[in-house]
C-alpha atoms as a PDB file:
ATOM      1  CA  MET A   1     -43.887 -12.074 -14.619  1.00  0.00           C
ATOM      2  CA  ARG A   2     -41.048  -9.619 -15.208  1.00  0.00           C
ATOM      3  CA  SER A   3     -37.829 -10.935 -16.744  1.00  0.00           C
ATOM      4  CA  SER A   4     -34.602 -10.360 -14.835  1.00  0.00           C
ATOM      5  CA  GLY A   5     -32.692  -9.824 -18.065  1.00  0.00           C
ATOM      6  CA  PHE A   6     -30.432 -12.803 -17.376  1.00  0.00           C
ATOM      7  CA  GLY A   7     -30.568 -16.009 -19.352  1.00  0.00           C
ATOM      8  CA  PRO A   8     -29.543 -19.594 -18.612  1.00  0.00           C
ATOM      9  CA  GLY A   9     -25.889 -18.950 -19.495  1.00  0.00           C
ATOM     10  CA  ASP A  10     -25.495 -15.960 -17.194  1.00  0.00           C
ATOM     11  CA  GLY A  11     -24.681 -17.781 -13.945  1.00  0.00           C
ATOM     12  CA  ALA A  12     -21.360 -15.971 -13.463  1.00  0.00           C
ATOM     13  CA  ALA A  13     -22.978 -12.584 -13.981  1.00  0.00           C
ATOM     14  CA  LEU A  14     -25.711 -13.439 -11.461  1.00  0.00           C
ATOM     15  CA  THR A  15     -23.117 -14.623  -8.939  1.00  0.00           C
ATOM     16  CA  GLU A  16     -21.201 -11.371  -9.378  1.00  0.00           C
ATOM     17  CA  LEU A  17     -24.419  -9.362  -9.024  1.00  0.00           C
ATOM     18  CA  HIS A  18     -25.304 -11.214  -5.821  1.00  0.00           C
ATOM     19  CA  GLY A  19     -21.793 -10.582  -4.494  1.00  0.00           C
ATOM     20  CA  VAL A  20     -22.129  -6.855  -5.152  1.00  0.00           C
ATOM     21  CA  THR A  21     -25.585  -6.667  -3.608  1.00  0.00           C
ATOM     22  CA  ASP A  22     -24.452  -8.695  -0.585  1.00  0.00           C
ATOM     23  CA  ARG A  23     -21.584  -6.222  -0.037  1.00  0.00           C
ATOM     24  CA  LEU A  24     -23.914  -3.256  -0.442  1.00  0.00           C
ATOM     25  CA  PHE A  25     -26.844  -4.569   1.566  1.00  0.00           C
ATOM     26  CA  GLY A  26     -25.235  -6.905   4.051  1.00  0.00           C
ATOM     27  CA  GLY A  27     -26.723 -10.091   2.587  1.00  0.00           C
ATOM     28  CA  ARG A  28     -30.322  -8.842   2.848  1.00  0.00           C
ATOM     29  CA  LEU A  29     -31.185  -9.365  -0.810  1.00  0.00           C
ATOM     30  CA  GLY A  30     -34.945  -9.533  -1.152  1.00  0.00           C
ATOM     31  CA  SER A  31     -35.574  -7.372   1.906  1.00  0.00           C
ATOM     32  CA  THR A  32     -33.680  -4.367   0.668  1.00  0.00           C
ATOM     33  CA  PRO A  33     -34.773  -1.158   2.376  1.00  0.00           C
ATOM     34  CA  ALA A  34     -35.399   1.993   0.382  1.00  0.00           C
ATOM     35  CA  LEU A  35     -32.101   3.750  -0.315  1.00  0.00           C
ATOM     36  CA  ASP A  36     -31.545   7.345   0.602  1.00  0.00           C
ATOM     37  CA  ASP A  37     -28.524   9.517  -0.264  1.00  0.00           C
ATOM     38  CA  GLU A  38     -26.804   8.647   3.025  1.00  0.00           C
ATOM     39  CA  THR A  39     -27.127   4.889   2.435  1.00  0.00           C
ATOM     40  CA  ILE A  40     -25.763   5.236  -1.085  1.00  0.00           C
ATOM     41  CA  ALA A  41     -22.837   7.321   0.198  1.00  0.00           C
ATOM     42  CA  GLU A  42     -22.102   4.694   2.891  1.00  0.00           C
ATOM     43  CA  SER A  43     -22.168   1.941   0.253  1.00  0.00           C
ATOM     44  CA  LYS A  44     -19.715   3.838  -1.934  1.00  0.00           C
ATOM     45  CA  THR A  45     -17.508   4.510   1.084  1.00  0.00           C
ATOM     46  CA  SER A  46     -17.454   0.867   2.183  1.00  0.00           C
ATOM     47  CA  LEU A  47     -16.702  -0.235  -1.391  1.00  0.00           C
ATOM     48  CA  GLY A  48     -13.897   2.364  -1.475  1.00  0.00           C
ATOM     49  CA  ASP A  49     -12.612   1.109   1.884  1.00  0.00           C
ATOM     50  CA  SER A  50     -12.699  -2.452   0.575  1.00  0.00           C
ATOM     51  CA  LYS A  51     -10.649  -1.462  -2.477  1.00  0.00           C
ATOM     52  CA  PHE A  52      -8.248   0.501  -0.293  1.00  0.00           C
ATOM     53  CA  ASP A  53      -7.810  -2.514   2.005  1.00  0.00           C
ATOM     54  CA  GLU A  54      -7.142  -4.773  -1.000  1.00  0.00           C
ATOM     55  CA  VAL A  55      -4.435  -2.421  -2.265  1.00  0.00           C
ATOM     56  CA  ILE A  56      -2.858  -2.171   1.197  1.00  0.00           C
ATOM     57  CA  GLY A  57      -2.845  -5.974   1.419  1.00  0.00           C
ATOM     58  CA  GLU A  58      -1.033  -6.184  -1.906  1.00  0.00           C
ATOM     59  CA  LEU A  59       1.414  -3.494  -0.780  1.00  0.00           C
ATOM     60  CA  GLU A  60       2.166  -5.542   2.332  1.00  0.00           C
ATOM     61  CA  ASN A  61       2.934  -8.498   0.043  1.00  0.00           C
ATOM     62  CA  LEU A  62       5.071  -6.225  -2.124  1.00  0.00           C
ATOM     63  CA  LEU A  63       7.247  -5.209   0.836  1.00  0.00           C
ATOM     64  CA  LEU A  64       8.157  -8.872   1.312  1.00  0.00           C
ATOM     65  CA  ASP A  65       8.685  -9.494  -2.398  1.00  0.00           C
ATOM     66  CA  SER A  66      12.360 -10.188  -3.097  1.00  0.00           C
ATOM     67  CA  ASP A  67      12.208  -8.253  -6.377  1.00  0.00           C
ATOM     68  CA  PHE A  68      11.058  -5.113  -4.582  1.00  0.00           C
ATOM     69  CA  VAL A  69      13.601  -5.481  -1.780  1.00  0.00           C
ATOM     70  CA  ASP A  70      16.369  -6.025  -4.360  1.00  0.00           C
ATOM     71  CA  LEU A  71      15.225  -3.020  -6.410  1.00  0.00           C
ATOM     72  CA  GLN A  72      15.189  -0.743  -3.377  1.00  0.00           C
ATOM     73  CA  ASN A  73      18.533  -2.041  -2.089  1.00  0.00           C
ATOM     74  CA  ARG A  74      20.187  -1.647  -5.503  1.00  0.00           C
ATOM     75  CA  PHE A  75      18.878   1.913  -5.732  1.00  0.00           C
ATOM     76  CA  PHE A  76      20.076   2.800  -2.231  1.00  0.00           C
ATOM     77  CA  ASP A  77      23.402   1.068  -2.846  1.00  0.00           C
ATOM     78  CA  ARG A  78      24.015   3.268  -5.912  1.00  0.00           C
ATOM     79  CA  HIS A  79      23.147   6.509  -4.114  1.00  0.00           C
ATOM     80  CA  TYR A  80      23.675   6.323  -0.343  1.00  0.00           C
ATOM     81  CA  ARG A  81      27.262   7.659  -0.513  1.00  0.00           C
ATOM     82  CA  GLU A  82      25.926  10.993  -1.813  1.00  0.00           C
ATOM     83  CA  PHE A  83      24.047  11.615   1.445  1.00  0.00           C
ATOM     84  CA  THR A  84      25.512  13.075   4.616  1.00  0.00           C
ATOM     85  CA  ASP A  85      24.266  13.636   8.150  1.00  0.00           C
ATOM     86  CA  GLU A  86      24.365  17.396   7.636  1.00  0.00           C
ATOM     87  CA  GLU A  87      21.064  19.230   7.920  1.00  0.00           C
ATOM     88  CA  GLU A  88      21.645  21.186   4.743  1.00  0.00           C
ATOM     89  CA  ASN A  89      20.547  19.274   1.667  1.00  0.00           C
ATOM     90  CA  LYS A  90      22.575  19.153  -1.528  1.00  0.00           C
ATOM     91  CA  LEU A  91      20.912  19.848  -4.865  1.00  0.00           C
ATOM     92  CA  VAL A  92      21.712  16.318  -6.063  1.00  0.00           C
ATOM     93  CA  TYR A  93      19.426  14.910  -3.348  1.00  0.00           C
ATOM     94  CA  MET A  94      16.338  16.133  -5.194  1.00  0.00           C
ATOM     95  CA  ASP A  95      17.458  14.473  -8.441  1.00  0.00           C
ATOM     96  CA  ILE A  96      18.008  11.198  -6.584  1.00  0.00           C
ATOM     97  CA  PHE A  97      14.643  11.569  -4.833  1.00  0.00           C
ATOM     98  CA  LYS A  98      12.859  12.172  -8.156  1.00  0.00           C
ATOM     99  CA  SER A  99      14.531   9.110  -9.657  1.00  0.00           C
ATOM    100  CA  TYR A 100      13.575   6.998  -6.603  1.00  0.00           C
ATOM    101  CA  THR A 101       9.980   8.192  -6.805  1.00  0.00           C
ATOM    102  CA  ASP A 102       9.746   7.296 -10.496  1.00  0.00           C
ATOM    103  CA  VAL A 103      11.304   3.845 -10.035  1.00  0.00           C
ATOM    104  CA  ILE A 104       9.277   2.855  -6.971  1.00  0.00           C
ATOM    105  CA  GLU A 105       5.956   4.269  -8.246  1.00  0.00           C
ATOM    106  CA  SER A 106       6.387   2.405 -11.509  1.00  0.00           C
ATOM    107  CA  PHE A 107       7.234  -0.867  -9.757  1.00  0.00           C
ATOM    108  CA  ILE A 108       4.285  -0.537  -7.365  1.00  0.00           C
ATOM    109  CA  SER A 109       1.868   0.285 -10.159  1.00  0.00           C
ATOM    110  CA  VAL A 110       2.934  -2.682 -12.313  1.00  0.00           C
ATOM    111  CA  TYR A 111       3.015  -5.067  -9.324  1.00  0.00           C
ATOM    112  CA  ILE A 112      -0.469  -4.197  -8.114  1.00  0.00           C
ATOM    113  CA  LYS A 113      -1.984  -3.938 -11.593  1.00  0.00           C
ATOM    114  CA  LYS A 114      -0.917  -7.577 -12.173  1.00  0.00           C
ATOM    115  CA  ARG A 115      -2.867  -8.611  -9.067  1.00  0.00           C
ATOM    116  CA  LEU A 116      -5.784  -6.144  -9.117  1.00  0.00           C
ATOM    117  CA  SER A 117      -6.878  -5.420 -12.683  1.00  0.00           C
ATOM    118  CA  TRP A 118      -9.025  -2.467 -11.581  1.00  0.00           C
ATOM    119  CA  PHE A 119      -6.112  -0.692  -9.845  1.00  0.00           C
ATOM    120  CA  SER A 120      -5.429   2.927 -10.736  1.00  0.00           C
ATOM    121  CA  MET A 121      -2.576   4.842  -9.086  1.00  0.00           C
ATOM    122  CA  PRO A 122      -4.398   8.219  -9.264  1.00  0.00           C
ATOM    123  CA  GLU A 123      -7.518   6.657  -7.686  1.00  0.00           C
ATOM    124  CA  PHE A 124      -5.401   5.056  -4.967  1.00  0.00           C
ATOM    125  CA  LEU A 125      -3.609   8.330  -4.247  1.00  0.00           C
ATOM    126  CA  GLU A 126      -7.019   9.984  -3.873  1.00  0.00           C
ATOM    127  CA  MET A 127      -8.022   7.264  -1.399  1.00  0.00           C
ATOM    128  CA  LEU A 128      -4.819   7.944   0.536  1.00  0.00           C
ATOM    129  CA  ARG A 129      -5.574  11.659   0.710  1.00  0.00           C
ATOM    130  CA  SER A 130      -8.999  10.926   2.187  1.00  0.00           C
ATOM    131  CA  LYS A 131      -7.645   8.783   5.048  1.00  0.00           C
ATOM    132  CA  GLN A 132      -6.921  10.090   8.537  1.00  0.00           C
ATOM    133  CA  ALA A 133      -3.352   9.994   9.845  1.00  0.00           C
ATOM    134  CA  GLU A 134      -4.201   7.448  12.579  1.00  0.00           C
ATOM    135  CA  GLU A 135      -5.497   5.047   9.908  1.00  0.00           C
ATOM    136  CA  MET A 136      -2.107   5.031   8.187  1.00  0.00           C
ATOM    137  CA  SER A 137       0.646   3.513  10.265  1.00  0.00           C
ATOM    138  CA  GLY A 138       3.095   0.746   9.520  1.00  0.00           C
ATOM    139  CA  ASP A 139       5.751  -0.202   7.004  1.00  0.00           C
ATOM    140  CA  VAL A 140       3.435   0.161   3.995  1.00  0.00           C
ATOM    141  CA  PHE A 141       2.749   3.775   4.811  1.00  0.00           C
ATOM    142  CA  ASP A 142       6.434   4.445   5.543  1.00  0.00           C
ATOM    143  CA  VAL A 143       7.317   3.288   2.022  1.00  0.00           C
ATOM    144  CA  LEU A 144       4.434   5.295   0.544  1.00  0.00           C
ATOM    145  CA  ALA A 145       5.603   8.341   2.488  1.00  0.00           C
ATOM    146  CA  SER A 146       9.133   7.869   1.131  1.00  0.00           C
ATOM    147  CA  ILE A 147       7.712   8.220  -2.382  1.00  0.00           C
ATOM    148  CA  GLY A 148       5.929  11.492  -1.801  1.00  0.00           C
ATOM    149  CA  ASP A 149       7.916  13.086   0.993  1.00  0.00           C
ATOM    150  CA  PHE A 150      11.571  14.019   0.615  1.00  0.00           C
ATOM    151  CA  THR A 151      12.205  14.014   4.389  1.00  0.00           C
ATOM    152  CA  ALA A 152      10.852  10.454   4.736  1.00  0.00           C
ATOM    153  CA  PHE A 153      12.973   9.370   1.751  1.00  0.00           C
ATOM    154  CA  LYS A 154      16.092  10.944   3.238  1.00  0.00           C
ATOM    155  CA  GLU A 155      15.478   9.178   6.565  1.00  0.00           C
ATOM    156  CA  LEU A 156      15.102   5.873   4.730  1.00  0.00           C
ATOM    157  CA  ILE A 157      18.308   6.254   2.719  1.00  0.00           C
ATOM    158  CA  MET A 158      20.213   7.537   5.770  1.00  0.00           C
ATOM    159  CA  ASP A 159      19.087   4.461   7.746  1.00  0.00           C
ATOM    160  CA  TYR A 160      20.382   2.332   4.880  1.00  0.00           C
ATOM    161  CA  LYS A 161      23.670   4.258   4.888  1.00  0.00           C
ATOM    162  CA  HIS A 162      24.122   3.879   8.639  1.00  0.00           C
ATOM    163  CA  GLU A 163      23.437   0.163   8.407  1.00  0.00           C
ATOM    164  CA  LYS A 164      25.947  -0.259   5.537  1.00  0.00           C
ATOM    165  CA  GLU A 165      28.576   1.676   7.450  1.00  0.00           C
ATOM    166  CA  GLY A 166      27.949  -0.167  10.717  1.00  0.00           C
ATOM    167  CA  LYS A 167      26.659   2.900  12.530  1.00  0.00           C
ATOM    168  CA  THR A 168      23.459   1.286  13.785  1.00  0.00           C
ATOM    169  CA  LEU A 169      22.934   0.065  17.310  1.00  0.00           C
ATOM    170  CA  ASP A 170      23.405  -3.658  17.820  1.00  0.00           C
ATOM    171  CA  PHE A 171      21.227  -5.087  20.577  1.00  0.00           C
ATOM    172  CA  SER A 172      21.946  -8.739  19.798  1.00  0.00           C
ATOM    173  CA  ASP A 173      24.248  -9.134  22.812  1.00  0.00           C
ATOM    174  CA  LEU A 174      21.386  -8.160  25.133  1.00  0.00           C
ATOM    175  CA  LEU A 175      19.469 -11.355  24.375  1.00  0.00           C
ATOM    176  CA  SER A 176      20.124 -14.367  26.536  1.00  0.00           C
ATOM    177  CA  VAL A 177      18.505 -17.767  26.156  1.00  0.00           C
ATOM    178  CA  ARG A 178      18.505 -20.240  29.016  1.00  0.00           C
ATOM    179  CA  TYR A 179      16.964 -23.619  29.467  1.00  0.00           C
ATOM    180  CA  ILE A 180      14.754 -23.779  32.547  1.00  0.00           C
ATOM    181  CA  LYS A 181      14.109 -27.189  33.991  1.00  0.00           C
ATOM    182  CA  SER A 182      10.530 -27.692  35.128  1.00  0.00           C
END
């Protein structure tokens, strides 16, 4: 009889191994088919997708985190007056954008690293590059875009400015609530 290499005190390691094999082989441990290059590539892809989904889930939590909202609002509050509705961009915009990118990237990295010990910003950015545009929609991706894309950042800070200055549309008077007797 061949030894598995695990002893009586290795229950946690065996559980982890079974979890990995279940993810890779769909719970078919014991009836594992021969692996070819395509199967291995699919396993790596699904593991990568799983990691990507975990990070996105944490980013969704981050967007609701009061510390993040406060950080972003404080940053915008310090800088929104510099921005104008003119199409031509001032040189100072790029300095503000660089500062925003540094602050937000750092916060995101620390926040997610606390929750996902394996997280690596460069690895995550590589995952992002590999995704199709239709796979990336929603608030999380808007914030991520604002970090790497000056135009998205400018739109975000201009929205903040318009809201602060009362230049946004108010649709609250269009809502009417009535009690209907049945």
